[in-house]
């Protein structure tokens, strides 16, 4: 188990490290993309401000701009410049540089190229060049509002205080921008870069944390799933061993771990127990078969002696014959139980009438049951699928067992549903204590040692019933009877042997 736990911890640690590395890489990539987007946005402002200055003829050269411009047309009017700003094309060159062109599809009027390593910008100089130019207030405002990469918002003078011309200031969250007051008594505007990030950093962090949690849960679930699979496999192996299977399957999960060692220990123990039981069964069967010959000799010798002795000892000889017959019956019981205990018993399943079967048992044992009131409740249809010989033997054992302890009544009740048949044999005797109900099926077990063999039997009758029920895919249950005594319920499956019928 310690090895299994260490393997689980090791996988969790490796999984956590992989998740952390993945999260770090995702955050780094997101930060890189956001920084790159901001850099491109500043270049966009530079390009559009430069175009406004060049196209309107305010300036001929722009050393403040990061772009190297090629001018193909003469200065334009403000209206034409506004139209050019709407025709902007942005391109990333193969060497990593940025190219911005303005004009129609037929040909660009202004083309500028900026190096990718450009880091220092002079936006304030470019903006002042435009806003402090001789253009009218309306033209300046029109050009500002045409620049897509700038945000132009009117502000309140109570917040900004006295403003003259263009002033560098800070907005919300230290957002850099410029205040512009074009005319005396006119509106004031806060001009800033419109940083339209490709995605929200907060959203990215939340998604990364969520993905990390899901990945961790999936990793834990995977480990727990494999542990549960091993548990189910081990339970299946123990059930197979409990049912008497020897040998383990070739493929066992975690073949180098504790599961295989434990499974092989169980298998070794099971094989050893099976060998002991096999030796015991073989010995009992051999002794039982060997006893038949001396029993037959004794029976023959007692018959001869019975004819030659006088009447005074005939009663003694008859008692000895009864003892020999009882010994012969015991041998038959032992051999029958041995066959039922083995795994090679072949049953002949066929449709059988419960009513006829019980009638035959009651007729054959009428001398033993004549002092009792036997009631039978068998609804129609009474046909079942079973091995008639062994079912007859099981019912006879249950009825005779009830007759030994019943005071005056025995009740036999047959019932069924879609999955099983059930026969209940009840008596009005002393009953069986709850703690002793499992002991009645143990071979040669008697609950009361004071009982004589005549009343207590050999202790094999109920054990034989249990084995017959097992071979029929069922069981025998013991409970308290409404009559006051014990109730034995013989239950067997309707479906387990249906394919054996022709």
Protein backbone atom coordinates (compact mmCIF):
# COMPACT_ATOMS: atom_id res chain seq x y z
CA UNK A 1 0.00 0.00 0.00
CA UNK A 2 2.89 2.36 0.74
CA UNK A 3 4.19 1.78 -2.78
CA UNK A 4 0.76 2.58 -4.22
CA UNK A 5 0.48 5.78 -2.19
CA UNK A 6 3.96 6.91 -3.21
CA UNK A 7 3.10 6.28 -6.86
CA UNK A 8 -0.07 8.36 -6.44
CA UNK A 9 1.85 11.22 -4.79
CA UNK A 10 4.54 11.04 -7.47
CA UNK A 11 2.00 11.32 -10.26
CA UNK A 12 0.27 14.20 -8.50
CA UNK A 13 3.58 16.06 -7.99
CA UNK A 14 4.57 15.55 -11.65
CA UNK A 15 1.10 16.63 -12.74
CA UNK A 16 1.27 19.76 -10.57
CA UNK A 17 4.66 20.68 -12.01
CA UNK A 18 3.37 20.21 -15.55
CA UNK A 19 0.30 22.33 -14.79
CA UNK A 20 2.43 25.09 -13.20
CA UNK A 21 4.77 25.13 -16.19
CA UNK A 22 1.81 25.26 -18.54
CA UNK A 23 0.24 28.11 -16.56
CA UNK A 24 3.54 30.02 -16.53
CA UNK A 25 3.94 29.56 -20.28
CA UNK A 26 0.33 30.67 -20.91
CA UNK A 27 0.71 33.80 -18.76
CA UNK A 28 4.03 34.66 -20.40
CA UNK A 29 2.52 34.23 -23.85
CA UNK A 30 -0.50 36.37 -22.89
CA UNK A 31 1.75 39.11 -21.48
CA UNK A 32 3.87 39.01 -24.64
CA UNK A 33 0.79 39.34 -26.86
CA UNK A 34 -0.62 42.18 -24.75
CA UNK A 35 2.74 44.04 -24.83
CA UNK A 36 2.99 43.49 -28.56
CA UNK A 37 -0.59 44.76 -29.04
CA UNK A 38 0.17 47.91 -27.02
CA UNK A 39 3.35 48.48 -29.04
CA UNK A 40 1.39 48.15 -32.29
CA UNK A 41 -1.27 50.53 -30.95
CA UNK A 42 1.35 53.21 -30.20
CA UNK A 43 2.82 52.70 -33.69
CA UNK A 44 -0.69 53.14 -35.09
CA UNK A 45 -1.05 56.51 -33.28
CA UNK A 46 2.38 57.54 -34.55
CA UNK A 47 1.43 56.60 -38.13
CA UNK A 48 -1.93 58.37 -38.15
CA UNK A 49 -0.67 61.55 -36.48
CA UNK A 50 2.23 61.60 -38.94
CA UNK A 51 -0.17 61.25 -41.86
CA UNK A 52 -2.31 64.13 -40.56
CA UNK A 53 0.76 66.35 -40.39
CA UNK A 54 2.19 65.33 -43.77
CA UNK A 55 -1.05 65.18 -45.75
CA UNK A 56 -2.25 68.62 -44.63
CA UNK A 57 1.16 70.15 -45.33
CA UNK A 58 1.72 71.24 -41.73
CA UNK A 59 5.16 69.61 -41.87
CA UNK A 60 7.35 68.36 -44.67
CA UNK A 61 9.56 66.08 -42.55
CA UNK A 62 8.91 64.29 -39.28
CA UNK A 63 12.06 63.35 -37.34
CA UNK A 64 9.80 62.75 -34.29
CA UNK A 65 8.06 59.83 -36.06
CA UNK A 66 9.32 56.26 -35.92
CA UNK A 67 8.27 55.78 -39.55
CA UNK A 68 10.29 56.59 -42.64
CA UNK A 69 7.72 58.07 -45.01
CA UNK A 70 7.43 58.09 -48.76
CA UNK A 71 5.10 60.87 -49.92
CA UNK A 72 3.66 60.39 -53.42
CA UNK A 73 1.15 63.24 -53.49
CA UNK A 74 1.00 66.98 -52.76
CA UNK A 75 -0.58 68.26 -49.55
CA UNK A 76 -4.29 67.49 -49.23
CA UNK A 77 -7.25 69.26 -47.73
CA UNK A 78 -8.55 68.28 -44.31
CA UNK A 79 -11.45 66.41 -45.91
CA UNK A 80 -9.13 64.40 -48.16
CA UNK A 81 -6.82 63.71 -45.19
CA UNK A 82 -9.78 62.39 -43.20
CA UNK A 83 -10.62 60.11 -46.14
CA UNK A 84 -7.02 58.87 -46.30
CA UNK A 85 -7.08 58.04 -42.59
CA UNK A 86 -10.06 55.76 -43.27
CA UNK A 87 -8.04 53.96 -45.97
CA UNK A 88 -5.25 52.80 -43.71
CA UNK A 89 -3.58 49.42 -44.31
CA UNK A 90 -1.43 47.78 -41.65
CA UNK A 91 1.14 45.10 -42.49
CA UNK A 92 3.90 43.15 -40.76
CA UNK A 93 6.85 42.67 -43.07
CA UNK A 94 8.83 39.38 -43.24
CA UNK A 95 11.80 40.95 -41.40
CA UNK A 96 9.53 41.95 -38.52
CA UNK A 97 9.22 45.64 -39.43
CA UNK A 98 5.84 47.39 -39.59
CA UNK A 99 4.46 49.07 -42.70
CA UNK A 100 1.55 51.49 -42.72
CA UNK A 101 0.08 52.73 -46.00
CA UNK A 102 -2.75 55.19 -46.71
CA UNK A 103 -4.66 55.39 -49.97
CA UNK A 104 -6.92 53.54 -52.34
CA UNK A 105 -6.50 49.98 -53.57
CA UNK A 106 -5.11 51.32 -56.85
CA UNK A 107 -2.14 52.85 -55.08
CA UNK A 108 -1.04 54.20 -51.71
CA UNK A 109 -0.42 57.95 -51.39
CA UNK A 110 1.64 57.73 -48.21
CA UNK A 111 3.78 54.73 -47.15
CA UNK A 112 5.76 54.51 -43.93
CA UNK A 113 8.02 51.76 -42.51
CA UNK A 114 9.01 51.48 -38.82
CA UNK A 115 11.63 49.17 -37.37
CA UNK A 116 10.32 46.40 -35.10
CA UNK A 117 12.77 47.37 -32.33
CA UNK A 118 11.36 50.91 -32.11
CA UNK A 119 10.79 51.59 -28.42
CA UNK A 120 11.05 55.39 -27.90
CA UNK A 121 8.12 57.45 -29.16
CA UNK A 122 7.50 61.19 -29.36
CA UNK A 123 3.73 61.26 -29.47
CA UNK A 124 3.53 64.49 -27.47
CA UNK A 125 5.60 66.34 -30.11
CA UNK A 126 3.47 64.93 -32.93
CA UNK A 127 0.23 65.78 -31.13
CA UNK A 128 1.37 69.32 -30.33
CA UNK A 129 2.46 69.76 -33.93
CA UNK A 130 -1.10 69.06 -35.03
CA UNK A 131 -3.04 70.85 -32.28
CA UNK A 132 -0.88 73.97 -32.22
CA UNK A 133 -0.92 74.33 -36.01
CA UNK A 134 -2.70 77.18 -37.83
CA UNK A 135 -5.65 74.88 -38.72
CA UNK A 136 -9.06 75.81 -37.42
CA UNK A 137 -10.51 74.35 -34.26
CA UNK A 138 -13.12 72.39 -36.25
CA UNK A 139 -10.50 70.93 -38.62
CA UNK A 140 -8.29 69.87 -35.73
CA UNK A 141 -11.20 68.20 -33.95
CA UNK A 142 -12.26 66.48 -37.19
CA UNK A 143 -8.75 65.11 -37.71
CA UNK A 144 -8.49 63.93 -34.09
CA UNK A 145 -11.80 62.12 -34.29
CA UNK A 146 -10.72 60.46 -37.55
CA UNK A 147 -7.65 58.90 -35.93
CA UNK A 148 -8.87 55.37 -35.02
CA UNK A 149 -6.10 54.65 -32.51
CA UNK A 150 -6.85 57.70 -30.35
CA UNK A 151 -9.60 58.16 -27.77
CA UNK A 152 -10.97 61.72 -27.67
CA UNK A 153 -13.30 62.39 -24.73
CA UNK A 154 -14.74 65.71 -23.52
CA UNK A 155 -13.90 66.49 -19.88
CA UNK A 156 -15.13 68.94 -17.24
CA UNK A 157 -13.09 72.05 -16.47
CA UNK A 158 -13.83 71.63 -12.77
CA UNK A 159 -11.75 68.46 -12.84
CA UNK A 160 -8.88 69.64 -15.01
CA UNK A 161 -8.50 73.22 -13.79
CA UNK A 162 -6.81 75.82 -16.01
CA UNK A 163 -5.61 74.38 -19.32
CA UNK A 164 -3.63 76.19 -21.96
CA UNK A 165 -2.96 74.50 -25.29
CA UNK A 166 -1.86 70.82 -24.83
CA UNK A 167 -1.00 69.47 -21.38
CA UNK A 168 0.29 65.98 -20.41
CA UNK A 169 -1.82 64.50 -17.63
CA UNK A 170 -3.00 61.22 -16.11
CA UNK A 171 -6.43 59.67 -16.17
CA UNK A 172 -7.96 56.71 -14.39
CA UNK A 173 -5.44 53.99 -13.37
CA UNK A 174 -2.51 56.27 -14.36
CA UNK A 175 -3.62 56.22 -17.97
CA UNK A 176 -1.34 58.65 -19.88
CA UNK A 177 -3.06 61.25 -22.01
CA UNK A 178 -3.22 64.89 -23.06
CA UNK A 179 -5.67 67.68 -22.27
CA UNK A 180 -6.52 69.99 -25.14
CA UNK A 181 -8.45 73.24 -25.10
CA UNK A 182 -8.68 74.57 -28.56
CA UNK A 183 -10.62 77.85 -28.07
CA UNK A 184 -11.07 80.23 -25.19
CA UNK A 185 -14.28 79.22 -23.49
CA UNK A 186 -14.51 76.12 -25.68
CA UNK A 187 -14.68 72.43 -24.70
CA UNK A 188 -11.78 70.56 -23.23
CA UNK A 189 -10.81 67.06 -24.44
CA UNK A 190 -8.83 64.22 -22.90
CA UNK A 191 -6.79 62.57 -25.66
CA UNK A 192 -5.31 59.15 -24.96
CA UNK A 193 -4.21 56.01 -26.77
CA UNK A 194 -7.11 53.59 -27.29
CA UNK A 195 -5.46 50.38 -26.06
CA UNK A 196 -7.77 47.73 -27.46
CA UNK A 197 -6.08 44.64 -26.04
CA UNK A 198 -6.69 41.37 -27.97
CA UNK A 199 -7.96 39.82 -24.75
CA UNK A 200 -8.42 40.68 -21.11
CA UNK A 201 -5.53 39.75 -18.83
CA UNK A 202 -7.98 39.16 -15.97
CA UNK A 203 -9.99 36.77 -18.13
CA UNK A 204 -6.81 34.96 -19.13
CA UNK A 205 -5.70 34.52 -15.51
CA UNK A 206 -9.16 33.27 -14.49
CA UNK A 207 -9.23 30.82 -17.41
CA UNK A 208 -5.73 29.56 -16.63
CA UNK A 209 -6.66 29.00 -12.98
CA UNK A 210 -9.88 27.25 -14.04
CA UNK A 211 -8.01 25.04 -16.51
CA UNK A 212 -5.40 24.24 -13.86
CA UNK A 213 -8.14 23.24 -11.38
CA UNK A 214 -9.87 21.08 -14.00
CA UNK A 215 -6.57 19.46 -14.97
CA UNK A 216 -5.75 18.75 -11.32
CA UNK A 217 -9.20 17.27 -10.73
CA UNK A 218 -8.86 15.18 -13.89
CA UNK A 219 -5.46 13.93 -12.72
CA UNK A 220 -6.80 13.04 -9.28
CA UNK A 221 -9.87 11.40 -10.83
CA UNK A 222 -7.63 9.36 -13.13
CA UNK A 223 -5.56 8.06 -10.24
CA UNK A 224 -8.66 7.31 -8.16
CA UNK A 225 -10.26 5.61 -11.18
CA UNK A 226 -7.28 3.27 -11.56
CA UNK A 227 -7.27 2.58 -7.83
CA UNK A 228 -10.98 1.77 -7.98
CA UNK A 229 -10.36 -0.44 -11.03
CA UNK A 230 -7.71 -2.34 -9.09
CA UNK A 231 -10.09 -2.64 -6.13
CA UNK A 232 -12.81 -4.09 -8.37
CA UNK A 233 -10.32 -6.46 -9.97
CA UNK A 234 -9.13 -7.61 -6.57
CA UNK A 235 -12.73 -8.09 -5.40
CA UNK A 236 -13.44 -10.13 -8.52
CA UNK A 237 -10.37 -12.27 -7.91
CA UNK A 238 -11.34 -12.89 -4.29
CA UNK A 239 -14.87 -13.87 -5.40
CA UNK A 240 -13.43 -16.29 -7.93
CA UNK A 241 -11.15 -17.77 -5.28
CA UNK A 242 -14.10 -18.00 -2.86
CA UNK A 243 -16.05 -19.91 -5.53
CA UNK A 244 -13.25 -22.41 -5.78
CA UNK A 245 -11.36 -21.20 -8.83
CA UNK A 246 -7.71 -22.09 -8.82
CA UNK A 247 -5.19 -20.08 -10.77
CA UNK A 248 -5.18 -16.37 -11.54
CA UNK A 249 -5.65 -14.67 -14.92
CA UNK A 250 -2.47 -13.79 -16.76
CA UNK A 251 -3.18 -10.05 -16.93
CA UNK A 252 -3.52 -8.37 -13.54
CA UNK A 253 -3.46 -4.54 -13.22
CA UNK A 254 -0.42 -3.21 -11.38
CA UNK A 255 1.50 -6.43 -11.95
CA UNK A 256 4.48 -5.14 -9.99
CA UNK A 257 2.53 -3.78 -7.04
CA UNK A 258 0.84 -4.97 -3.89
CA UNK A 259 -2.30 -6.16 -5.67
CA UNK A 260 -0.58 -9.01 -7.48
CA UNK A 261 1.31 -10.10 -4.37
CA UNK A 262 -1.89 -10.18 -2.31
CA UNK A 263 -3.83 -11.89 -5.09
CA UNK A 264 -1.18 -14.59 -5.46
CA UNK A 265 -1.13 -15.09 -1.69
CA UNK A 266 -4.90 -15.66 -1.75
CA UNK A 267 -4.55 -17.94 -4.75
CA UNK A 268 -1.85 -19.98 -3.05
CA UNK A 269 -3.96 -20.28 0.07
CA UNK A 270 -7.01 -21.24 -2.01
CA UNK A 271 -5.05 -23.90 -3.90
CA UNK A 272 -3.76 -25.36 -0.65
CA UNK A 273 -7.27 -25.47 0.84
CA UNK A 274 -8.60 -27.10 -2.32
CA UNK A 275 -5.93 -29.78 -2.14
CA UNK A 276 -6.81 -30.49 1.48
CA UNK A 277 -10.52 -30.65 0.69
CA UNK A 278 -9.88 -32.91 -2.27
CA UNK A 279 -7.85 -35.29 -0.13
CA UNK A 280 -10.59 -35.21 2.52
CA UNK A 281 -13.37 -35.92 -0.01
CA UNK A 282 -11.38 -38.71 -1.62
CA UNK A 283 -10.73 -40.28 1.77
CA UNK A 284 -14.38 -40.04 2.86
CA UNK A 285 -15.62 -41.46 -0.46
CA UNK A 286 -13.06 -44.26 -0.32
CA UNK A 287 -14.04 -45.17 3.26
CA UNK A 288 -17.74 -44.99 2.36
CA UNK A 289 -17.28 -47.31 -0.62
CA UNK A 290 -15.14 -49.70 1.39
CA UNK A 291 -17.80 -49.86 4.12
CA UNK A 292 -20.39 -51.21 1.71
CA UNK A 293 -18.71 -54.63 1.53
CA UNK A 294 -18.57 -55.32 5.31
CA UNK A 295 -22.09 -53.89 5.69
CA UNK A 296 -23.37 -56.32 3.04
CA UNK A 297 -21.60 -59.18 4.84
CA UNK A 298 -23.11 -58.17 8.15
CA UNK A 299 -26.58 -58.00 6.63
CA UNK A 300 -26.18 -61.45 5.06
CA UNK A 301 -24.72 -62.91 8.26
CA UNK A 302 -27.58 -61.51 10.38
CA UNK A 303 -30.12 -63.06 8.00
CA UNK A 304 -28.43 -66.44 8.39
CA UNK A 305 -28.19 -66.11 12.18
CA UNK A 306 -31.83 -65.01 12.38
CA UNK A 307 -32.96 -68.30 10.82
CA UNK A 308 -30.84 -70.45 13.15
CA UNK A 309 -31.48 -68.90 16.57
CA UNK A 310 -34.50 -69.48 18.79
CA UNK A 311 -37.23 -66.90 19.26
CA UNK A 312 -35.70 -65.43 22.43
CA UNK A 313 -32.86 -63.71 20.51
CA UNK A 314 -34.75 -62.85 17.31
CA UNK A 315 -35.59 -59.39 18.70
CA UNK A 316 -31.89 -58.70 19.31
CA UNK A 317 -30.95 -59.80 15.80
CA UNK A 318 -33.70 -57.57 14.35
CA UNK A 319 -32.30 -54.57 16.29
CA UNK A 320 -28.85 -55.35 14.89
CA UNK A 321 -30.31 -55.44 11.36
CA UNK A 322 -31.80 -52.02 11.95
CA UNK A 323 -28.43 -50.71 13.05
CA UNK A 324 -26.79 -52.14 9.93
CA UNK A 325 -29.49 -50.56 7.74
CA UNK A 326 -28.93 -47.23 9.51
CA UNK A 327 -25.21 -47.54 8.86
CA UNK A 328 -25.92 -48.27 5.19
CA UNK A 329 -28.18 -45.18 5.02
CA UNK A 330 -25.41 -43.07 6.53
CA UNK A 331 -22.98 -44.31 3.86
CA UNK A 332 -25.50 -43.37 1.16
CA UNK A 333 -25.90 -39.89 2.68
CA UNK A 334 -22.14 -39.36 2.79
CA UNK A 335 -21.73 -40.46 -0.83
CA UNK A 336 -24.62 -38.24 -1.94
CA UNK A 337 -23.20 -35.21 -0.15
CA UNK A 338 -19.76 -35.95 -1.64
CA UNK A 339 -21.18 -35.93 -5.16
CA UNK A 340 -23.02 -32.66 -4.52
CA UNK A 341 -19.90 -31.10 -3.05
CA UNK A 342 -17.78 -31.91 -6.09
CA UNK A 343 -17.70 -29.66 -9.14
CA UNK A 344 -18.57 -32.38 -11.67
CA UNK A 345 -22.24 -33.00 -10.87
CA UNK A 346 -24.43 -33.13 -14.00
CA UNK A 347 -28.10 -32.28 -13.43
CA UNK A 348 -30.94 -33.14 -15.78
CA UNK A 349 -33.18 -30.06 -15.83
CA UNK A 350 -36.72 -30.61 -17.05
CA UNK A 351 -40.24 -29.35 -16.43
CA UNK A 352 -41.65 -30.89 -13.27
CA UNK A 353 -44.99 -30.62 -11.48
CA UNK A 354 -44.57 -29.52 -7.87
CA UNK A 355 -47.99 -30.90 -6.95
CA UNK A 356 -47.17 -34.41 -8.25
CA UNK A 357 -43.69 -34.29 -6.67
CA UNK A 358 -45.07 -33.40 -3.23
CA UNK A 359 -47.83 -35.98 -3.59
CA UNK A 360 -45.27 -38.69 -4.22
CA UNK A 361 -43.19 -37.62 -1.18
CA UNK A 362 -46.22 -37.55 1.14
CA UNK A 363 -47.43 -40.96 -0.06
CA UNK A 364 -44.02 -42.61 0.37
CA UNK A 365 -43.58 -41.19 3.89
CA UNK A 366 -47.19 -41.58 5.06
CA UNK A 367 -46.26 -43.63 8.19
CA UNK A 368 -43.98 -40.83 9.40
CA UNK A 369 -46.53 -38.07 8.71
CA UNK A 370 -49.82 -39.73 9.70
CA UNK A 371 -49.85 -38.09 13.14
CA UNK A 372 -49.48 -34.58 11.63
CA UNK A 373 -51.83 -32.23 9.81
CA UNK A 374 -50.13 -31.37 6.50
CA UNK A 375 -51.58 -28.42 4.53
CA UNK A 376 -50.48 -27.66 0.96
CA UNK A 377 -50.91 -24.36 -0.87
CA UNK A 378 -49.86 -24.67 -4.52
CA UNK A 379 -51.23 -22.08 -6.97
CA UNK A 380 -51.44 -22.75 -10.70
CA UNK A 381 -49.32 -23.13 -12.73
CA UNK A 382 -47.25 -25.50 -10.61
CA UNK A 383 -44.70 -26.43 -13.28
CA UNK A 384 -41.05 -25.66 -12.50
CA UNK A 385 -37.71 -26.34 -14.20
CA UNK A 386 -35.45 -28.48 -12.04
CA UNK A 387 -33.65 -31.79 -11.72
CA UNK A 388 -36.55 -33.95 -10.57
CA UNK A 389 -34.48 -36.50 -8.70
CA UNK A 390 -32.48 -34.01 -6.65
CA UNK A 391 -35.44 -31.68 -6.08
CA UNK A 392 -37.39 -34.70 -4.78
CA UNK A 393 -34.52 -35.46 -2.44
CA UNK A 394 -34.30 -31.87 -1.16
CA UNK A 395 -38.06 -31.53 -0.51
CA UNK A 396 -38.19 -34.91 1.16
CA UNK A 397 -35.35 -33.95 3.50
CA UNK A 398 -37.07 -30.66 4.40
CA UNK A 399 -40.47 -32.32 5.01
CA UNK A 400 -38.98 -35.14 7.10
CA UNK A 401 -36.91 -32.62 9.06
CA UNK A 402 -40.10 -30.67 9.81
CA UNK A 403 -41.94 -33.85 10.79
CA UNK A 404 -39.31 -34.63 13.48
CA UNK A 405 -39.92 -31.40 15.38
CA UNK A 406 -43.52 -30.45 14.49
CA UNK A 407 -46.10 -30.81 17.25
CA UNK A 408 -49.17 -31.19 15.06
CA UNK A 409 -48.93 -29.10 11.87
CA UNK A 410 -46.81 -28.78 8.76
CA UNK A 411 -47.52 -26.20 6.03
CA UNK A 412 -46.12 -26.39 2.49
CA UNK A 413 -46.49 -23.19 0.41
CA UNK A 414 -45.40 -22.73 -3.20
CA UNK A 415 -44.90 -19.25 -4.73
CA UNK A 416 -43.13 -17.71 -7.71
CA UNK A 417 -42.37 -14.48 -9.55
CA UNK A 418 -40.63 -13.57 -12.81
CA UNK A 419 -37.16 -14.49 -11.51
CA UNK A 420 -37.52 -17.39 -9.07
CA UNK A 421 -39.54 -20.25 -7.60
CA UNK A 422 -39.92 -20.71 -3.86
CA UNK A 423 -41.15 -23.53 -1.61
CA UNK A 424 -41.72 -22.85 2.11
CA UNK A 425 -41.94 -25.75 4.61
CA UNK A 426 -43.17 -24.59 8.02
CA UNK A 427 -43.85 -26.40 11.29
CA UNK A 428 -45.25 -25.57 14.70
CA UNK A 429 -42.31 -27.01 16.64
CA UNK A 430 -39.82 -25.28 18.96
CA UNK A 431 -38.17 -23.35 16.11
CA UNK A 432 -34.50 -22.44 15.69
CA UNK A 433 -32.71 -19.62 17.50
CA UNK A 434 -31.37 -16.84 15.29
CA UNK A 435 -27.75 -17.50 16.29
CA UNK A 436 -28.11 -21.20 15.34
CA UNK A 437 -29.74 -20.82 11.92
CA UNK A 438 -26.47 -20.95 9.99
CA UNK A 439 -25.25 -24.00 11.90
CA UNK A 440 -28.05 -26.31 10.70
CA UNK A 441 -26.43 -26.55 7.25
CA UNK A 442 -23.03 -27.69 8.59
CA UNK A 443 -22.51 -31.44 7.94
CA UNK A 444 -22.81 -33.62 11.06
CA UNK A 445 -23.75 -30.56 13.12
CA UNK A 446 -26.46 -30.93 15.77
CA UNK A 447 -27.90 -28.05 17.74
CA UNK A 448 -28.83 -30.20 20.73
CA UNK A 449 -26.38 -32.90 21.77
CA UNK A 450 -29.01 -34.52 23.98
CA UNK A 451 -31.05 -35.60 20.96
CA UNK A 452 -30.72 -39.23 19.94
CA UNK A 453 -29.71 -40.22 16.48
CA UNK A 454 -33.27 -41.33 15.81
CA UNK A 455 -34.61 -37.82 16.32
CA UNK A 456 -31.60 -35.78 15.39
CA UNK A 457 -30.52 -37.69 12.26
CA UNK A 458 -26.96 -37.65 10.96
CA UNK A 459 -26.65 -33.91 10.37
CA UNK A 460 -26.39 -34.35 6.59
CA UNK A 461 -29.99 -33.85 5.45
CA UNK A 462 -30.02 -30.03 5.46
CA UNK A 463 -26.44 -29.88 4.15
CA UNK A 464 -27.58 -31.96 1.15
CA UNK A 465 -30.55 -29.60 0.64
CA UNK A 466 -28.23 -26.62 0.63
CA UNK A 467 -25.96 -28.18 -2.01
CA UNK A 468 -28.94 -29.11 -4.22
CA UNK A 469 -30.19 -25.51 -3.98
CA UNK A 470 -26.72 -24.28 -4.93
CA UNK A 471 -26.63 -26.46 -8.06
CA UNK A 472 -30.04 -25.07 -9.00
CA UNK A 473 -28.74 -21.49 -8.76
CA UNK A 474 -30.56 -20.80 -5.50
CA UNK A 475 -30.31 -21.05 -1.72
CA UNK A 476 -32.02 -22.27 1.44
CA UNK A 477 -33.13 -19.71 4.02
CA UNK A 478 -34.23 -20.24 7.61
CA UNK A 479 -36.73 -18.01 9.36
CA UNK A 480 -39.44 -18.08 12.01
CA UNK A 481 -42.79 -19.56 10.98
CA UNK A 482 -46.22 -18.08 11.58
CA UNK A 483 -47.12 -21.48 13.03
CA UNK A 484 -44.63 -20.91 15.83
CA UNK A 485 -41.78 -23.13 14.66
CA UNK A 486 -39.21 -22.93 11.89
CA UNK A 487 -39.68 -22.07 8.21
CA UNK A 488 -37.27 -23.40 5.58
CA UNK A 489 -37.46 -21.67 2.20
CA UNK A 490 -36.02 -23.44 -0.84
CA UNK A 491 -35.46 -20.82 -3.57
CA UNK A 492 -34.03 -21.36 -7.04
CA UNK A 493 -33.71 -19.31 -10.22
CA UNK A 494 -36.12 -19.48 -13.16
CA UNK A 495 -33.56 -18.14 -15.63
CA UNK A 496 -30.22 -19.70 -14.81
CA UNK A 497 -30.93 -23.05 -16.48
CA UNK A 498 -33.52 -22.09 -19.11
CA UNK A 499 -31.03 -22.72 -21.94
CA UNK A 500 -30.65 -26.36 -20.91
CA UNK A 501 -34.21 -27.13 -22.02
CA UNK A 502 -34.55 -28.52 -25.52
